[in-house]
Amino acid sequence: MDSQLGLIEQSFNNRYTLWVHAALDELPDSFTITDPSISGHPIVFASRGFLKMSGFSRAEIIGRNGRMFQGPRTNRRTIMEIREAIREERPIEVNLLNYKKDGTPFWMLFKMSPVFGKEDGRGTHFVAVQVPIVSRKHMRNSGMSYSEDGGGSRLREIVFGSCRREVCSDSLLDLDRVLALDSDETELEIEDSCEASDLEKRKAATAIDNILSVLTHYSQLTGRLVCGKRCSLPGMGFISSSLHISLGRIKQSFVLIDPHLPDMPMVYASDAFLKLTGYDRNEVVGQNCRFLNGVDTDTTVLYQIKESIQTEQACTVRILNYRKDKSSFWNLLHISPIRNASGKIAYFAAVHTEEGCRNQDRHGLSLEMRQLSAIGAIKVAVRSLSMGAGPSKS
């Protein structure tokens, strides 16, 4: 759990300055930010507006997946549409029924947009704005009107007009009850879909623009710029957010290497690999694995690895590698080609196991079985993605 919280903290600190949290907190909108590179695709930021709307505290949300807000009446097809958008790293806007902490269901306009690193085109985060949908039926039944030139926050002023200051607090409470709906009416309403108005859609679009502006500004100060559209440089490789999520479920120490790019860089590094070597993800992704070698690394073994890659064959070697702190360890390294659904090699996977930890498997699996298990899971993730939407690297 501590390692997960550390990754969540790094999710922002490695990309933005420390002031980004305060700047995002000043925005009035209800939104969350998630990181697809962390196992489970957790929420790494929740705005004050979202906390107020959902009834959860920040501590209850950070590190959790957005599925915690779904319930029995949440439309499964809509959830699949959102997952598909995440897999394809594209924006999406849908009407969604979610649940508050107290179990109350409510309709909202869910608008999600990916955030990309400008230097490499990788998806870094997803921004999801949630705008509560005010039921048109209850507004009509209550004699209310919804102004297209103002936001939902002006509803009380629209209803009560210029006499707003003279309205007693009891009247305001009555209006709140109408907007919130009583439990019986809710059961009737949530059976049908609820459409967002043009005003609510514009409010969501404006919120996305404002959030992206904040993220862009505070990423400029660190030199690791982000943008709302993929803007990768020629020759740079990336893997999709959906593949990130699938690979994040694999607990072994491994990296994914793209043989189609110059110098064969790593395009993915698992959390266990980072823990084993002491590096941060941004320090290894985009680099060739040779930084793990040192003065006492056997060049004969390096040649054996090179030959297996050239012949597109799997190999297992014992090699002396070095951590970030310069300490050495014997690495029981297994390398295997990973093919996409069409049978072409998409990546090479390298599973790393420290020699002293070879017998520390709680399921009683041998080292070889653990390595093959990891390779099998990686193959399934890559092939499933390529069958669904084409490989990340054609």
Protein backbone atom coordinates (compact mmCIF):
# COMPACT_ATOMS: atom_id res chain seq x y z
CA MET A 1 0.00 0.00 0.00
CA ASP A 2 2.86 2.37 0.82
CA SER A 3 4.45 1.73 -2.57
CA GLN A 4 1.10 2.46 -4.26
CA LEU A 5 0.80 5.77 -2.42
CA GLY A 6 4.38 6.58 -3.41
CA LEU A 7 3.56 6.00 -7.07
CA ILE A 8 0.47 8.19 -6.79
CA GLU A 9 2.56 10.98 -5.29
CA GLN A 10 5.14 10.60 -8.05
CA SER A 11 2.34 10.68 -10.63
CA PHE A 12 2.07 14.43 -10.13
CA ASN A 13 5.46 15.37 -8.70
CA ASN A 14 7.41 13.93 -11.64
CA ARG A 15 5.39 15.90 -14.17
CA TYR A 16 4.20 19.10 -12.44
CA THR A 17 5.40 21.51 -9.79
CA LEU A 18 4.14 21.18 -6.22
CA TRP A 19 1.80 24.14 -6.75
CA VAL A 20 -0.42 22.23 -9.17
CA HIS A 21 -2.56 20.77 -6.35
CA ALA A 22 -3.41 24.22 -5.01
CA ALA A 23 -4.17 25.53 -8.50
CA LEU A 24 -6.49 22.60 -9.29
CA ASP A 25 -8.22 23.04 -5.93
CA GLU A 26 -9.12 26.60 -6.87
CA LEU A 27 -11.17 25.41 -9.84
CA PRO A 28 -14.90 25.20 -8.98
CA ASP A 29 -15.61 22.17 -11.16
CA SER A 30 -16.26 18.58 -10.14
CA PHE A 31 -13.52 16.37 -11.62
CA THR A 32 -11.03 13.59 -11.01
CA ILE A 33 -7.63 12.80 -12.55
CA THR A 34 -6.47 9.20 -12.99
CA ASP A 35 -3.12 7.64 -13.92
CA PRO A 36 -3.29 4.67 -16.34
CA SER A 37 0.40 3.83 -15.79
CA ILE A 38 -0.26 2.78 -12.18
CA SER A 39 -1.73 -0.66 -11.54
CA GLY A 40 -5.52 -0.44 -11.27
CA HIS A 41 -5.73 2.95 -13.04
CA PRO A 42 -6.35 4.78 -9.75
CA ILE A 43 -7.59 8.28 -9.03
CA VAL A 44 -4.61 10.52 -8.20
CA PHE A 45 -6.53 13.77 -7.71
CA ALA A 46 -10.13 14.65 -6.80
CA SER A 47 -11.37 18.23 -6.82
CA ARG A 48 -13.23 19.86 -3.95
CA GLY A 49 -16.28 20.10 -6.16
CA PHE A 50 -16.23 16.35 -6.74
CA LEU A 51 -15.80 15.62 -3.03
CA LYS A 52 -18.78 17.82 -2.22
CA MET A 53 -20.91 16.25 -4.94
CA SER A 54 -20.06 12.63 -4.09
CA GLY A 55 -19.90 12.90 -0.30
CA PHE A 56 -16.55 11.11 -0.12
CA SER A 57 -13.40 12.46 1.48
CA ARG A 58 -10.19 12.73 -0.49
CA ALA A 59 -8.59 9.99 1.58
CA GLU A 60 -11.43 7.62 0.64
CA ILE A 61 -10.98 8.26 -3.08
CA ILE A 62 -7.27 8.67 -3.83
CA GLY A 63 -5.80 5.36 -4.95
CA ARG A 64 -9.19 3.86 -5.83
CA ASN A 65 -10.59 3.11 -9.26
CA GLY A 66 -13.60 5.07 -10.54
CA ARG A 67 -15.74 1.93 -10.48
CA MET A 68 -16.33 2.63 -6.77
CA PHE A 69 -19.00 5.17 -7.82
CA GLN A 70 -20.97 2.67 -9.91
CA GLY A 71 -24.00 0.81 -8.65
CA PRO A 72 -26.70 -1.68 -9.64
CA ARG A 73 -28.42 0.73 -12.02
CA THR A 74 -25.28 2.05 -13.70
CA ASN A 75 -25.52 1.25 -17.40
CA ARG A 76 -22.99 -1.48 -18.25
CA ARG A 77 -22.93 -0.48 -21.91
CA THR A 78 -21.95 3.06 -21.00
CA ILE A 79 -19.14 1.74 -18.79
CA MET A 80 -17.88 -0.34 -21.73
CA GLU A 81 -17.91 2.78 -23.90
CA ILE A 82 -15.75 4.56 -21.33
CA ARG A 83 -13.34 1.62 -21.14
CA GLU A 84 -13.11 1.57 -24.93
CA ALA A 85 -12.26 5.29 -24.96
CA ILE A 86 -9.52 4.67 -22.38
CA ARG A 87 -8.15 1.82 -24.47
CA GLU A 88 -8.07 4.03 -27.56
CA GLU A 89 -6.89 7.09 -25.59
CA ARG A 90 -9.57 9.38 -26.94
CA PRO A 91 -12.10 11.81 -25.39
CA ILE A 92 -15.62 10.70 -24.56
CA GLU A 93 -18.82 12.36 -23.35
CA VAL A 94 -21.68 10.27 -21.97
CA ASN A 95 -24.63 10.54 -19.60
CA LEU A 96 -23.92 8.31 -16.61
CA LEU A 97 -25.79 7.21 -13.50
CA ASN A 98 -23.44 7.11 -10.51
CA TYR A 99 -23.88 6.80 -6.76
CA LYS A 100 -22.94 9.06 -3.87
CA LYS A 101 -21.37 7.81 -0.65
CA ASP A 102 -24.79 7.58 1.02
CA GLY A 103 -26.07 5.39 -1.82
CA THR A 104 -28.09 8.10 -3.56
CA PRO A 105 -28.07 7.65 -7.36
CA PHE A 106 -27.73 10.73 -9.57
CA TRP A 107 -27.39 11.46 -13.26
CA MET A 108 -24.36 13.34 -14.48
CA LEU A 109 -22.65 14.32 -17.70
CA PHE A 110 -19.32 12.47 -17.73
CA LYS A 111 -16.73 14.07 -20.00
CA MET A 112 -13.26 12.52 -20.09
CA SER A 113 -10.15 13.63 -21.95
CA PRO A 114 -6.64 12.09 -22.10
CA VAL A 115 -3.49 14.02 -21.26
CA PHE A 116 -0.32 13.28 -23.23
CA GLY A 117 3.34 13.94 -22.61
CA LYS A 118 4.54 16.35 -25.27
CA GLU A 119 8.05 14.90 -25.46
CA ASP A 120 7.06 11.31 -26.20
CA GLY A 121 3.32 11.21 -26.89
CA ARG A 122 2.58 8.79 -24.05
CA GLY A 123 -0.73 9.03 -22.23
CA THR A 124 0.05 10.32 -18.74
CA HIS A 125 -3.37 10.96 -17.18
CA PHE A 126 -7.09 11.09 -17.85
CA VAL A 127 -9.18 14.07 -16.74
CA ALA A 128 -12.83 13.25 -16.02
CA VAL A 129 -15.31 16.09 -15.44
CA GLN A 130 -18.67 15.30 -13.85
CA VAL A 131 -21.52 17.79 -14.30
CA PRO A 132 -24.76 16.91 -12.44
CA ILE A 133 -27.72 16.81 -14.83
CA VAL A 134 -30.68 18.80 -13.57
CA SER A 135 -33.84 16.83 -14.37
CA ARG A 136 -35.96 18.73 -16.90
CA LYS A 137 -39.07 16.86 -15.72
CA HIS A 138 -38.77 18.06 -12.15
CA MET A 139 -37.99 21.59 -13.32
CA ARG A 140 -41.17 21.59 -15.40
CA ASN A 141 -43.23 20.13 -12.56
CA SER A 142 -41.86 22.80 -10.24
CA GLY A 143 -42.41 25.66 -12.68
CA MET A 144 -38.67 26.30 -13.01
CA SER A 145 -36.80 27.53 -16.05
CA TYR A 146 -33.20 26.86 -16.94
CA SER A 147 -31.35 29.77 -18.47
CA GLU A 148 -28.96 28.99 -21.32
CA ASP A 149 -26.84 32.04 -20.52
CA GLY A 150 -25.99 30.98 -16.99
CA GLY A 151 -24.72 27.96 -15.07
CA GLY A 152 -26.40 25.61 -12.67
CA SER A 153 -25.00 27.69 -9.84
CA ARG A 154 -27.35 30.51 -10.90
CA LEU A 155 -30.49 28.39 -10.67
CA ARG A 156 -31.66 29.88 -7.38
CA GLU A 157 -31.21 33.36 -8.79
CA ILE A 158 -33.15 32.46 -11.93
CA VAL A 159 -36.05 31.03 -9.91
CA PHE A 160 -36.30 33.83 -7.40
CA GLY A 161 -35.31 36.72 -9.70
CA SER A 162 -34.22 40.04 -8.30
CA CYS A 163 -35.92 39.29 -4.99
CA ARG A 164 -33.35 36.59 -4.17
CA ARG A 165 -32.05 38.49 -1.16
CA GLU A 166 -35.56 38.69 0.29
CA VAL A 167 -36.29 34.99 0.05
CA CYS A 168 -36.32 33.28 3.41
CA SER A 169 -34.04 30.35 4.15
CA ASP A 170 -37.00 27.96 4.30
CA SER A 171 -37.76 28.65 0.64
CA LEU A 172 -34.17 27.93 -0.29
CA LEU A 173 -34.36 24.65 1.59
CA ASP A 174 -37.54 23.77 -0.30
CA LEU A 175 -35.74 24.41 -3.59
CA ASP A 176 -32.85 22.21 -2.50
CA ARG A 177 -35.32 19.42 -1.79
CA VAL A 178 -36.79 19.75 -5.27
CA LEU A 179 -33.35 19.66 -6.89
CA ALA A 180 -32.17 16.72 -4.79
CA LEU A 181 -35.41 14.73 -5.33
CA ASP A 182 -36.91 12.53 -2.69
CA SER A 183 -36.07 8.84 -2.58
CA ASP A 184 -39.38 7.65 -4.05
CA GLU A 185 -39.15 9.93 -7.06
CA THR A 186 -35.53 8.89 -7.58
CA GLU A 187 -36.52 5.23 -7.92
CA LEU A 188 -38.93 6.21 -10.69
CA GLU A 189 -36.53 8.53 -12.47
CA ILE A 190 -33.41 6.39 -12.65
CA GLU A 191 -35.06 3.76 -14.82
CA ASP A 192 -34.84 6.12 -17.82
CA SER A 193 -31.82 7.81 -19.30
CA CYS A 194 -31.33 11.47 -18.57
CA GLU A 195 -30.00 13.78 -21.27
CA ALA A 196 -27.64 16.66 -20.56
CA SER A 197 -28.56 20.11 -21.81
CA ASP A 198 -26.41 22.18 -24.17
CA LEU A 199 -25.55 24.39 -21.20
CA GLU A 200 -24.31 21.42 -19.18
CA LYS A 201 -22.25 20.23 -22.14
CA ARG A 202 -20.67 23.66 -22.53
CA LYS A 203 -19.93 23.73 -18.82
CA ALA A 204 -18.13 20.37 -19.07
CA ALA A 205 -16.13 21.48 -22.11
CA THR A 206 -15.08 24.69 -20.37
CA ALA A 207 -14.03 22.74 -17.29
CA ILE A 208 -11.85 20.39 -19.38
CA ASP A 209 -10.18 23.38 -21.05
CA ASN A 210 -9.50 25.05 -17.71
CA ILE A 211 -8.03 21.89 -16.16
CA LEU A 212 -5.80 21.23 -19.17
CA SER A 213 -4.61 24.86 -19.03
CA VAL A 214 -3.56 24.40 -15.39
CA LEU A 215 -1.79 21.12 -16.12
CA THR A 216 -0.04 22.58 -19.16
CA HIS A 217 1.15 25.63 -17.21
CA TYR A 218 2.57 23.68 -14.27
CA SER A 219 4.20 21.11 -16.56
CA GLN A 220 6.01 23.91 -18.40
CA LEU A 221 7.69 24.89 -15.14
CA THR A 222 9.24 21.42 -14.85
CA GLY A 223 10.16 21.13 -18.52
CA ARG A 224 7.99 17.99 -18.93
CA LEU A 225 5.17 19.49 -20.98
CA VAL A 226 1.75 17.92 -21.41
CA CYS A 227 -0.97 18.58 -23.94
CA GLY A 228 -4.55 17.53 -24.64
CA LYS A 229 -3.71 15.93 -27.99
CA ARG A 230 -0.99 13.45 -28.80
CA CYS A 231 1.96 15.42 -30.10
CA SER A 232 4.78 12.89 -30.13
CA LEU A 233 8.02 13.49 -31.92
CA PRO A 234 9.05 11.33 -34.90
CA GLY A 235 10.76 8.12 -33.85
CA MET A 236 9.39 8.14 -30.30
CA GLY A 237 7.50 5.05 -29.15
CA PHE A 238 4.66 4.72 -26.71
CA ILE A 239 2.19 2.13 -25.55
CA SER A 240 -1.48 2.82 -25.07
CA SER A 241 -3.10 3.44 -21.72
CA SER A 242 -5.10 0.23 -22.02
CA LEU A 243 -1.90 -1.81 -22.43
CA HIS A 244 -0.45 0.08 -19.45
CA ILE A 245 -3.44 -0.98 -17.38
CA SER A 246 -3.25 -4.62 -18.49
CA LEU A 247 0.49 -4.83 -17.86
CA GLY A 248 0.05 -3.17 -14.48
CA ARG A 249 -1.87 -6.22 -13.26
CA ILE A 250 1.24 -8.39 -13.73
CA LYS A 251 3.15 -8.39 -10.45
CA GLN A 252 6.52 -9.75 -11.62
CA SER A 253 9.57 -7.60 -12.33
CA PHE A 254 9.77 -7.05 -16.09
CA VAL A 255 10.25 -4.51 -18.85
CA LEU A 256 8.88 -4.25 -22.37
CA ILE A 257 11.33 -3.38 -25.16
CA ASP A 258 10.41 -2.03 -28.59
CA PRO A 259 12.77 -3.53 -31.21
CA HIS A 260 11.36 -1.29 -33.95
CA LEU A 261 12.79 1.89 -32.42
CA PRO A 262 16.39 3.09 -32.60
CA ASP A 263 18.52 1.62 -29.78
CA MET A 264 15.63 -0.64 -28.68
CA PRO A 265 14.37 1.40 -25.70
CA MET A 266 12.17 0.21 -22.88
CA VAL A 267 8.59 1.38 -23.38
CA TYR A 268 7.24 -0.10 -20.15
CA ALA A 269 8.70 -0.95 -16.74
CA SER A 270 6.72 -2.74 -14.05
CA ASP A 271 6.46 -1.53 -10.47
CA ALA A 272 8.40 -4.59 -9.29
CA PHE A 273 11.25 -3.78 -11.68
CA LEU A 274 11.44 -0.23 -10.35
CA LYS A 275 11.54 -1.57 -6.80
CA LEU A 276 14.28 -4.06 -7.71
CA THR A 277 16.53 -1.51 -9.43
CA GLY A 278 15.75 1.63 -7.42
CA TYR A 279 14.95 3.76 -10.47
CA ASP A 280 11.88 5.91 -11.11
CA ARG A 281 9.78 5.12 -14.17
CA ASN A 282 10.70 8.34 -15.95
CA GLU A 283 14.39 7.44 -15.56
CA VAL A 284 14.13 4.12 -17.40
CA VAL A 285 11.34 4.37 -19.98
CA GLY A 286 12.87 5.45 -23.27
CA GLN A 287 16.30 4.08 -22.32
CA ASN A 288 18.14 0.97 -23.48
CA CYS A 289 18.61 -1.70 -20.80
CA ARG A 290 22.41 -1.34 -20.91
CA PHE A 291 22.30 1.17 -18.03
CA LEU A 292 21.88 -1.88 -15.76
CA ASN A 293 25.34 -3.13 -16.76
CA GLY A 294 28.59 -2.23 -15.00
CA VAL A 295 32.31 -2.86 -14.94
CA ASP A 296 31.98 -6.51 -13.90
CA THR A 297 29.14 -7.44 -16.24
CA ASP A 298 30.20 -10.37 -18.44
CA THR A 299 30.37 -9.29 -22.10
CA THR A 300 29.93 -12.90 -23.18
CA VAL A 301 26.48 -12.92 -21.60
CA LEU A 302 25.65 -9.62 -23.30
CA TYR A 303 26.56 -11.17 -26.64
CA GLN A 304 24.31 -14.12 -25.88
CA ILE A 305 21.39 -11.75 -25.22
CA LYS A 306 22.09 -9.82 -28.42
CA GLU A 307 22.19 -13.03 -30.46
CA SER A 308 18.87 -14.26 -29.06
CA ILE A 309 17.19 -10.98 -29.97
CA GLN A 310 18.62 -11.04 -33.49
CA THR A 311 17.39 -14.60 -34.00
CA GLU A 312 14.06 -13.79 -32.33
CA GLN A 313 14.50 -16.59 -29.80
CA ALA A 314 13.88 -16.74 -26.05
CA CYS A 315 16.86 -17.04 -23.73
CA THR A 316 17.62 -17.26 -20.00
CA VAL A 317 20.90 -16.00 -18.57
CA ARG A 318 22.55 -15.19 -15.25
CA ILE A 319 24.00 -11.70 -15.44
CA LEU A 320 25.54 -9.26 -12.97
CA ASN A 321 23.52 -6.02 -13.00
CA TYR A 322 23.64 -2.80 -11.00
CA ARG A 323 20.97 -0.79 -9.19
CA LYS A 324 20.66 2.96 -9.18
CA ASP A 325 22.68 3.14 -5.94
CA LYS A 326 25.51 1.23 -7.72
CA SER A 327 25.01 -1.93 -5.66
CA SER A 328 25.25 -5.10 -7.73
CA PHE A 329 22.97 -8.14 -7.86
CA TRP A 330 22.84 -11.37 -9.82
CA ASN A 331 19.95 -11.12 -12.23
CA LEU A 332 18.31 -14.32 -13.47
CA LEU A 333 17.11 -12.75 -16.72
CA HIS A 334 14.60 -14.31 -19.11
CA ILE A 335 13.99 -12.62 -22.47
CA SER A 336 11.25 -13.62 -24.91
CA PRO A 337 9.76 -12.16 -28.10
CA ILE A 338 6.16 -10.94 -27.82
CA ARG A 339 4.07 -11.24 -30.97
CA ASN A 340 0.88 -9.40 -31.81
CA ALA A 341 -2.31 -11.00 -33.10
CA SER A 342 -0.96 -11.13 -36.66
CA GLY A 343 2.12 -13.07 -35.53
CA LYS A 344 4.63 -10.25 -35.97
CA ILE A 345 7.04 -9.37 -33.18
CA ALA A 346 5.74 -6.29 -31.39
CA TYR A 347 8.06 -6.27 -28.36
CA PHE A 348 10.62 -8.20 -26.37
CA ALA A 349 9.82 -8.84 -22.72
CA ALA A 350 12.61 -9.15 -20.16
CA VAL A 351 11.71 -10.72 -16.80
CA HIS A 352 14.18 -9.86 -14.03
CA THR A 353 14.61 -11.95 -10.87
CA GLU A 354 17.23 -11.37 -8.20
CA GLU A 355 19.03 -14.63 -7.56
CA GLY A 356 18.60 -14.54 -3.78
CA CYS A 357 14.82 -14.24 -4.16
CA ARG A 358 14.34 -17.24 -6.43
CA ASN A 359 12.70 -19.42 -3.78
CA GLN A 360 10.45 -16.76 -2.25
CA ASP A 361 7.25 -17.62 -4.08
CA ARG A 362 4.25 -18.09 -1.79
CA HIS A 363 2.49 -20.27 -4.38
CA GLY A 364 5.39 -22.72 -4.53
CA LEU A 365 6.10 -22.06 -8.22
CA SER A 366 9.61 -22.58 -9.52
CA LEU A 367 11.59 -19.70 -10.98
CA GLU A 368 11.06 -21.01 -14.50
CA MET A 369 7.30 -21.25 -13.99
CA ARG A 370 7.13 -17.70 -12.64
CA GLN A 371 9.06 -16.39 -15.62
CA LEU A 372 6.88 -18.28 -18.10
CA SER A 373 3.76 -17.11 -16.24
CA ALA A 374 4.82 -13.48 -16.62
CA ILE A 375 5.63 -13.94 -20.31
CA GLY A 376 2.27 -15.62 -20.87
CA ALA A 377 0.39 -12.77 -19.20
CA ILE A 378 2.31 -10.20 -21.28
CA LYS A 379 1.50 -12.07 -24.48
CA VAL A 380 -2.20 -12.13 -23.60
CA ALA A 381 -2.21 -8.38 -22.88
CA VAL A 382 -0.47 -7.47 -26.15
CA ARG A 383 -2.47 -9.83 -28.34
CA SER A 384 -5.79 -8.81 -26.79
CA LEU A 385 -5.02 -5.19 -27.51
CA SER A 386 -3.91 -5.83 -31.09
CA MET A 387 -7.06 -7.87 -31.78
CA GLY A 388 -9.25 -5.10 -30.39
CA ALA A 389 -7.75 -1.97 -31.88
CA GLY A 390 -4.48 -2.78 -33.52
CA PRO A 391 -1.07 -2.82 -31.88
CA SER A 392 0.42 0.26 -30.38
CA LYS A 393 3.23 0.00 -32.87
CA SER A 394 2.35 -1.05 -36.38
